[in-house]
Amino acid sequence: WDKFYLYDLRLQSRDETYQVVSNDGLHFEIELSYRWHVVGPNVVTLNQGIGPEYITRLLVPEIGSVARGVIASYPAEAVFSEARVEVQREIYSEITADSLPNGIGPRETRQDLSGELVALSDVFLKRVELPARPF
């Protein structure tokens, strides 16, 4: 009944591929890269509530869900061009918003860390891949 769980409190990164749909109905694939670190004072809450597989149980689905919602509000060509940086910012802002109580907070340190299990540093849209053209 005594188990030790090790959590890395250093800055970590991960690349993840998501299937998304633009507002003009085009299905395509994006690759997001994101960096985060575990909020040290809340590691016990993270372990009890989510567990050591918090990356696949919290970060991957939350970021994917928000990314799908954000990209669904843009036309496909905007994601490839001028709105790419705006899309990244909007994904980051929505994930770390106080209105979304997911345990993921912003990179800035706040006095009240009671609800933040993970501090997200940034989100980058690394790759956008269009579907193959039919013959």
N, C-alpha and C. Protein backbone atom coordinates (compact mmCIF):
# COMPACT_ATOMS: atom_id res chain seq x y z
N TRP A 1 0.80 -1.20 0.00
CA TRP A 1 0.00 0.00 0.00
C TRP A 1 0.84 1.25 0.00
N ASP A 2 2.14 1.10 0.23
CA ASP A 2 3.04 2.25 0.13
C ASP A 2 3.69 2.26 -1.24
N LYS A 3 3.38 3.25 -2.03
CA LYS A 3 3.98 3.41 -3.34
C LYS A 3 4.53 4.82 -3.46
N PHE A 4 5.62 4.93 -4.17
CA PHE A 4 6.21 6.23 -4.44
C PHE A 4 5.95 6.58 -5.90
N TYR A 5 5.52 7.79 -6.12
CA TYR A 5 5.32 8.30 -7.47
C TYR A 5 6.27 9.47 -7.67
N LEU A 6 6.97 9.44 -8.77
CA LEU A 6 7.91 10.52 -9.09
C LEU A 6 7.30 11.42 -10.16
N TYR A 7 7.32 12.70 -9.89
CA TYR A 7 6.83 13.69 -10.84
C TYR A 7 7.97 14.65 -11.16
N ASP A 8 8.18 14.88 -12.43
CA ASP A 8 9.21 15.80 -12.88
C ASP A 8 8.63 17.21 -12.85
N LEU A 9 9.20 18.08 -12.05
CA LEU A 9 8.70 19.45 -11.92
C LEU A 9 9.37 20.40 -12.91
N ARG A 10 10.28 19.88 -13.72
CA ARG A 10 10.95 20.71 -14.72
C ARG A 10 10.04 20.94 -15.92
N LEU A 11 10.43 21.89 -16.73
CA LEU A 11 9.70 22.19 -17.96
C LEU A 11 9.79 20.99 -18.90
N GLN A 12 8.64 20.54 -19.40
CA GLN A 12 8.58 19.39 -20.29
C GLN A 12 7.87 19.79 -21.58
N SER A 13 8.06 19.00 -22.62
CA SER A 13 7.37 19.29 -23.88
C SER A 13 6.86 18.01 -24.50
N ARG A 14 5.88 18.18 -25.37
CA ARG A 14 5.28 17.05 -26.06
C ARG A 14 4.73 17.53 -27.39
N ASP A 15 4.81 16.69 -28.40
CA ASP A 15 4.19 16.94 -29.69
C ASP A 15 3.03 15.96 -29.83
N GLU A 16 1.91 16.46 -30.29
CA GLU A 16 0.72 15.62 -30.44
C GLU A 16 0.00 16.00 -31.73
N THR A 17 -0.50 14.99 -32.41
CA THR A 17 -1.23 15.19 -33.66
C THR A 17 -2.73 15.07 -33.40
N TYR A 18 -3.50 16.00 -33.96
CA TYR A 18 -4.95 16.01 -33.78
C TYR A 18 -5.64 16.13 -35.13
N GLN A 19 -6.78 15.49 -35.25
CA GLN A 19 -7.65 15.64 -36.42
C GLN A 19 -8.60 16.79 -36.12
N VAL A 20 -8.70 17.75 -37.05
CA VAL A 20 -9.54 18.93 -36.85
C VAL A 20 -10.38 19.19 -38.09
N VAL A 21 -11.39 20.04 -37.91
CA VAL A 21 -12.27 20.44 -39.02
C VAL A 21 -12.37 21.96 -38.99
N SER A 22 -12.13 22.60 -40.13
CA SER A 22 -12.24 24.05 -40.21
C SER A 22 -13.70 24.46 -40.36
N ASN A 23 -13.97 25.76 -40.29
CA ASN A 23 -15.37 26.21 -40.40
C ASN A 23 -15.93 26.06 -41.80
N ASP A 24 -15.06 25.82 -42.80
CA ASP A 24 -15.55 25.57 -44.14
C ASP A 24 -15.66 24.06 -44.44
N GLY A 25 -15.55 23.24 -43.39
CA GLY A 25 -15.80 21.81 -43.51
C GLY A 25 -14.63 20.95 -43.95
N LEU A 26 -13.43 21.51 -44.04
CA LEU A 26 -12.27 20.74 -44.47
C LEU A 26 -11.68 19.99 -43.28
N HIS A 27 -11.52 18.69 -43.43
CA HIS A 27 -10.90 17.85 -42.40
C HIS A 27 -9.40 17.80 -42.68
N PHE A 28 -8.60 18.09 -41.67
CA PHE A 28 -7.15 18.01 -41.84
C PHE A 28 -6.51 17.70 -40.50
N GLU A 29 -5.20 17.58 -40.54
CA GLU A 29 -4.43 17.16 -39.37
C GLU A 29 -3.48 18.28 -38.97
N ILE A 30 -3.38 18.51 -37.66
CA ILE A 30 -2.41 19.49 -37.16
C ILE A 30 -1.51 18.80 -36.14
N GLU A 31 -0.32 19.33 -36.01
CA GLU A 31 0.58 18.87 -34.96
C GLU A 31 0.85 20.05 -34.04
N LEU A 32 0.52 19.86 -32.78
CA LEU A 32 0.75 20.89 -31.78
C LEU A 32 1.92 20.47 -30.90
N SER A 33 2.72 21.43 -30.54
CA SER A 33 3.78 21.22 -29.58
C SER A 33 3.46 22.10 -28.39
N TYR A 34 3.52 21.54 -27.19
CA TYR A 34 3.23 22.34 -26.01
C TYR A 34 4.23 22.03 -24.91
N ARG A 35 4.45 23.04 -24.08
CA ARG A 35 5.37 22.91 -22.95
C ARG A 35 4.63 23.23 -21.67
N TRP A 36 4.98 22.53 -20.60
CA TRP A 36 4.31 22.69 -19.32
C TRP A 36 5.25 22.25 -18.20
N HIS A 37 4.82 22.54 -16.99
CA HIS A 37 5.48 21.97 -15.81
C HIS A 37 4.41 21.75 -14.75
N VAL A 38 4.65 20.78 -13.90
CA VAL A 38 3.73 20.47 -12.80
C VAL A 38 3.90 21.54 -11.74
N VAL A 39 2.79 22.01 -11.18
CA VAL A 39 2.82 23.00 -10.10
C VAL A 39 3.19 22.24 -8.82
N GLY A 40 4.38 22.48 -8.33
CA GLY A 40 4.94 21.74 -7.19
C GLY A 40 4.05 21.64 -5.97
N PRO A 41 3.48 22.75 -5.47
CA PRO A 41 2.66 22.66 -4.27
C PRO A 41 1.39 21.81 -4.45
N ASN A 42 0.99 21.56 -5.69
CA ASN A 42 -0.25 20.80 -5.94
C ASN A 42 -0.01 19.40 -6.47
N VAL A 43 1.21 18.90 -6.35
CA VAL A 43 1.52 17.58 -6.90
C VAL A 43 0.74 16.47 -6.18
N VAL A 44 0.46 16.64 -4.92
CA VAL A 44 -0.33 15.62 -4.19
C VAL A 44 -1.75 15.58 -4.73
N THR A 45 -2.34 16.73 -4.97
CA THR A 45 -3.69 16.80 -5.55
C THR A 45 -3.70 16.19 -6.94
N LEU A 46 -2.67 16.48 -7.73
CA LEU A 46 -2.56 15.90 -9.07
C LEU A 46 -2.48 14.39 -8.99
N ASN A 47 -1.68 13.88 -8.09
CA ASN A 47 -1.52 12.43 -7.95
C ASN A 47 -2.80 11.75 -7.48
N GLN A 48 -3.49 12.35 -6.53
CA GLN A 48 -4.72 11.76 -6.01
C GLN A 48 -5.88 11.87 -6.98
N GLY A 49 -5.97 12.98 -7.69
CA GLY A 49 -7.11 13.21 -8.58
C GLY A 49 -6.97 12.63 -9.97
N ILE A 50 -5.77 12.65 -10.51
CA ILE A 50 -5.57 12.22 -11.89
C ILE A 50 -4.58 11.07 -11.98
N GLY A 51 -3.47 11.20 -11.29
CA GLY A 51 -2.48 10.13 -11.27
C GLY A 51 -1.28 10.42 -12.15
N PRO A 52 -0.33 9.49 -12.16
CA PRO A 52 0.91 9.69 -12.90
C PRO A 52 0.72 9.80 -14.42
N GLU A 53 -0.38 9.31 -14.93
CA GLU A 53 -0.62 9.40 -16.37
C GLU A 53 -1.42 10.67 -16.70
N TYR A 54 -1.12 11.75 -15.98
CA TYR A 54 -1.83 13.02 -16.17
C TYR A 54 -1.65 13.59 -17.58
N ILE A 55 -0.55 13.25 -18.23
CA ILE A 55 -0.31 13.78 -19.57
C ILE A 55 -1.39 13.27 -20.53
N THR A 56 -1.63 11.97 -20.51
CA THR A 56 -2.63 11.40 -21.43
C THR A 56 -4.05 11.54 -20.92
N ARG A 57 -4.24 11.77 -19.64
CA ARG A 57 -5.59 11.90 -19.09
C ARG A 57 -6.05 13.35 -18.97
N LEU A 58 -5.11 14.29 -18.93
CA LEU A 58 -5.48 15.70 -18.76
C LEU A 58 -5.01 16.56 -19.94
N LEU A 59 -3.71 16.60 -20.17
CA LEU A 59 -3.17 17.52 -21.18
C LEU A 59 -3.61 17.19 -22.60
N VAL A 60 -3.39 15.96 -23.04
CA VAL A 60 -3.68 15.60 -24.43
C VAL A 60 -5.15 15.82 -24.78
N PRO A 61 -6.11 15.32 -24.01
CA PRO A 61 -7.51 15.55 -24.41
C PRO A 61 -7.98 17.00 -24.25
N GLU A 62 -7.54 17.70 -23.22
CA GLU A 62 -7.97 19.09 -23.03
C GLU A 62 -7.45 19.99 -24.14
N ILE A 63 -6.18 19.84 -24.45
CA ILE A 63 -5.59 20.67 -25.51
C ILE A 63 -6.22 20.33 -26.85
N GLY A 64 -6.45 19.05 -27.11
CA GLY A 64 -7.09 18.65 -28.36
C GLY A 64 -8.50 19.19 -28.50
N SER A 65 -9.25 19.13 -27.43
CA SER A 65 -10.62 19.62 -27.45
C SER A 65 -10.68 21.12 -27.73
N VAL A 66 -9.85 21.87 -27.04
CA VAL A 66 -9.82 23.32 -27.25
C VAL A 66 -9.32 23.64 -28.65
N ALA A 67 -8.29 22.95 -29.12
CA ALA A 67 -7.75 23.20 -30.46
C ALA A 67 -8.81 22.94 -31.52
N ARG A 68 -9.58 21.86 -31.38
CA ARG A 68 -10.65 21.58 -32.35
C ARG A 68 -11.69 22.69 -32.35
N GLY A 69 -12.05 23.17 -31.18
CA GLY A 69 -13.04 24.24 -31.09
C GLY A 69 -12.54 25.55 -31.69
N VAL A 70 -11.30 25.88 -31.44
CA VAL A 70 -10.73 27.13 -31.97
C VAL A 70 -10.61 27.04 -33.49
N ILE A 71 -10.05 25.95 -33.99
CA ILE A 71 -9.84 25.83 -35.44
C ILE A 71 -11.17 25.76 -36.18
N ALA A 72 -12.20 25.25 -35.54
CA ALA A 72 -13.52 25.18 -36.17
C ALA A 72 -14.10 26.57 -36.44
N SER A 73 -13.55 27.60 -35.83
CA SER A 73 -14.04 28.96 -36.07
C SER A 73 -13.25 29.69 -37.16
N TYR A 74 -12.28 29.03 -37.76
CA TYR A 74 -11.46 29.64 -38.81
C TYR A 74 -11.60 28.85 -40.11
N PRO A 75 -11.48 29.55 -41.25
CA PRO A 75 -11.40 28.82 -42.52
C PRO A 75 -10.02 28.15 -42.62
N ALA A 76 -9.94 27.08 -43.41
CA ALA A 76 -8.71 26.30 -43.51
C ALA A 76 -7.51 27.14 -43.95
N GLU A 77 -7.70 28.02 -44.93
CA GLU A 77 -6.55 28.78 -45.43
C GLU A 77 -6.00 29.74 -44.38
N ALA A 78 -6.82 30.18 -43.43
CA ALA A 78 -6.34 31.07 -42.38
C ALA A 78 -5.36 30.36 -41.46
N VAL A 79 -5.57 29.07 -41.22
CA VAL A 79 -4.69 28.32 -40.34
C VAL A 79 -3.30 28.17 -40.96
N PHE A 80 -3.25 28.18 -42.30
CA PHE A 80 -1.97 28.07 -43.00
C PHE A 80 -1.22 29.38 -43.09
N SER A 81 -1.92 30.49 -42.96
CA SER A 81 -1.29 31.76 -43.28
C SER A 81 -1.32 32.74 -42.11
N GLU A 82 -1.94 33.87 -42.33
CA GLU A 82 -1.85 35.00 -41.41
C GLU A 82 -2.43 34.75 -40.03
N ALA A 83 -3.37 33.88 -39.89
CA ALA A 83 -4.02 33.67 -38.60
C ALA A 83 -3.36 32.59 -37.76
N ARG A 84 -2.27 32.02 -38.22
CA ARG A 84 -1.61 30.92 -37.50
C ARG A 84 -1.20 31.32 -36.08
N VAL A 85 -0.57 32.48 -35.95
CA VAL A 85 -0.15 32.96 -34.64
C VAL A 85 -1.36 33.26 -33.77
N GLU A 86 -2.39 33.83 -34.37
CA GLU A 86 -3.62 34.13 -33.65
C GLU A 86 -4.28 32.84 -33.14
N VAL A 87 -4.28 31.80 -33.96
CA VAL A 87 -4.84 30.51 -33.56
C VAL A 87 -4.07 29.96 -32.36
N GLN A 88 -2.74 30.02 -32.40
CA GLN A 88 -1.91 29.56 -31.27
C GLN A 88 -2.26 30.30 -30.00
N ARG A 89 -2.35 31.63 -30.10
CA ARG A 89 -2.67 32.45 -28.93
C ARG A 89 -4.05 32.12 -28.37
N GLU A 90 -5.00 31.94 -29.27
CA GLU A 90 -6.37 31.65 -28.83
C GLU A 90 -6.46 30.28 -28.15
N ILE A 91 -5.77 29.29 -28.69
CA ILE A 91 -5.75 27.96 -28.06
C ILE A 91 -5.16 28.07 -26.66
N TYR A 92 -4.03 28.76 -26.52
CA TYR A 92 -3.39 28.93 -25.22
C TYR A 92 -4.32 29.66 -24.24
N SER A 93 -4.92 30.75 -24.70
CA SER A 93 -5.79 31.54 -23.83
C SER A 93 -6.98 30.76 -23.34
N GLU A 94 -7.60 29.98 -24.22
CA GLU A 94 -8.78 29.21 -23.83
C GLU A 94 -8.44 28.07 -22.88
N ILE A 95 -7.31 27.41 -23.10
CA ILE A 95 -6.92 26.31 -22.22
C ILE A 95 -6.65 26.81 -20.81
N THR A 96 -6.00 27.95 -20.70
CA THR A 96 -5.59 28.47 -19.39
C THR A 96 -6.60 29.43 -18.77
N ALA A 97 -7.74 29.61 -19.40
CA ALA A 97 -8.75 30.54 -18.89
C ALA A 97 -9.33 30.05 -17.57
N ASP A 98 -9.63 30.99 -16.68
CA ASP A 98 -10.26 30.65 -15.41
C ASP A 98 -11.65 30.06 -15.59
N SER A 99 -12.30 30.39 -16.70
CA SER A 99 -13.66 29.91 -16.95
C SER A 99 -13.69 28.42 -17.31
N LEU A 100 -12.53 27.84 -17.61
CA LEU A 100 -12.43 26.42 -17.93
C LEU A 100 -11.67 25.74 -16.79
N PRO A 101 -12.38 25.21 -15.80
CA PRO A 101 -11.72 24.65 -14.61
C PRO A 101 -11.14 23.26 -14.89
N ASN A 102 -10.03 23.21 -15.64
CA ASN A 102 -9.43 21.94 -16.02
C ASN A 102 -8.15 21.63 -15.27
N GLY A 103 -7.69 22.51 -14.40
CA GLY A 103 -6.46 22.28 -13.67
C GLY A 103 -5.22 22.72 -14.41
N ILE A 104 -5.40 23.32 -15.58
CA ILE A 104 -4.27 23.80 -16.37
C ILE A 104 -4.24 25.32 -16.28
N GLY A 105 -3.16 25.85 -15.73
CA GLY A 105 -3.04 27.29 -15.54
C GLY A 105 -2.04 27.91 -16.49
N PRO A 106 -1.94 29.23 -16.47
CA PRO A 106 -1.00 29.93 -17.35
C PRO A 106 0.43 29.85 -16.81
N ARG A 107 1.38 30.27 -17.65
CA ARG A 107 2.79 30.24 -17.26
C ARG A 107 3.12 31.24 -16.18
N GLU A 108 2.37 32.34 -16.10
CA GLU A 108 2.63 33.35 -15.08
C GLU A 108 2.28 32.79 -13.71
N THR A 109 3.13 33.06 -12.76
CA THR A 109 2.89 32.59 -11.40
C THR A 109 1.90 33.52 -10.73
N ARG A 110 0.86 32.92 -10.16
CA ARG A 110 -0.14 33.71 -9.43
C ARG A 110 -0.03 33.36 -7.95
N GLN A 111 -0.58 34.20 -7.13
CA GLN A 111 -0.53 33.96 -5.69
C GLN A 111 -1.38 32.75 -5.30
N ASP A 112 -2.55 32.63 -5.90
CA ASP A 112 -3.47 31.54 -5.57
C ASP A 112 -3.29 30.42 -6.59
N LEU A 113 -2.63 29.35 -6.19
CA LEU A 113 -2.38 28.21 -7.07
C LEU A 113 -3.28 27.02 -6.72
N SER A 114 -4.36 27.28 -6.02
CA SER A 114 -5.17 26.18 -5.49
C SER A 114 -5.79 25.29 -6.56
N GLY A 115 -6.16 25.81 -7.70
CA GLY A 115 -6.82 24.99 -8.71
C GLY A 115 -5.93 24.56 -9.85
N GLU A 116 -4.68 25.00 -9.88
CA GLU A 116 -3.80 24.72 -11.01
C GLU A 116 -2.88 23.55 -10.69
N LEU A 117 -3.02 22.49 -11.44
CA LEU A 117 -2.18 21.32 -11.27
C LEU A 117 -0.97 21.37 -12.18
N VAL A 118 -1.17 21.96 -13.36
CA VAL A 118 -0.14 22.05 -14.39
C VAL A 118 -0.12 23.49 -14.91
N ALA A 119 1.08 24.04 -15.09
CA ALA A 119 1.21 25.37 -15.67
C ALA A 119 1.67 25.21 -17.12
N LEU A 120 0.84 25.62 -18.05
CA LEU A 120 1.13 25.52 -19.48
C LEU A 120 1.96 26.73 -19.90
N SER A 121 3.14 26.49 -20.47
CA SER A 121 4.01 27.59 -20.88
C SER A 121 3.63 28.15 -22.24
N ASP A 122 3.45 27.27 -23.23
CA ASP A 122 3.08 27.74 -24.55
C ASP A 122 2.57 26.60 -25.41
N VAL A 123 1.91 26.98 -26.49
CA VAL A 123 1.37 26.04 -27.46
C VAL A 123 1.81 26.54 -28.84
N PHE A 124 2.40 25.65 -29.63
CA PHE A 124 2.85 26.00 -30.98
C PHE A 124 2.17 25.11 -32.00
N LEU A 125 1.73 25.70 -33.06
CA LEU A 125 1.16 24.96 -34.18
C LEU A 125 2.32 24.63 -35.12
N LYS A 126 2.83 23.40 -35.01
CA LYS A 126 4.04 23.03 -35.75
C LYS A 126 3.78 22.65 -37.20
N ARG A 127 2.71 21.91 -37.42
CA ARG A 127 2.49 21.37 -38.76
C ARG A 127 1.00 21.33 -39.05
N VAL A 128 0.65 21.67 -40.26
CA VAL A 128 -0.73 21.55 -40.74
C VAL A 128 -0.67 20.73 -42.02
N GLU A 129 -1.38 19.63 -42.04
CA GLU A 129 -1.35 18.75 -43.21
C GLU A 129 -2.74 18.59 -43.80
N LEU A 130 -2.85 19.01 -45.04
CA LEU A 130 -4.12 18.89 -45.75
C LEU A 130 -4.35 17.43 -46.14
N PRO A 131 -5.61 17.06 -46.32
CA PRO A 131 -5.89 15.70 -46.79
C PRO A 131 -5.41 15.51 -48.23
N ALA A 132 -5.15 14.27 -48.59
CA ALA A 132 -4.73 13.96 -49.96
C ALA A 132 -5.84 14.30 -50.93
N ARG A 133 -5.47 14.78 -52.10
CA ARG A 133 -6.48 15.11 -53.11
C ARG A 133 -6.97 13.83 -53.77
N PRO A 134 -8.29 13.70 -53.93
CA PRO A 134 -8.80 12.51 -54.62
C PRO A 134 -8.45 12.57 -56.10
N PHE A 135 -8.29 11.40 -56.70
CA PHE A 135 -7.92 11.33 -58.12
C PHE A 135 -9.11 11.43 -59.01
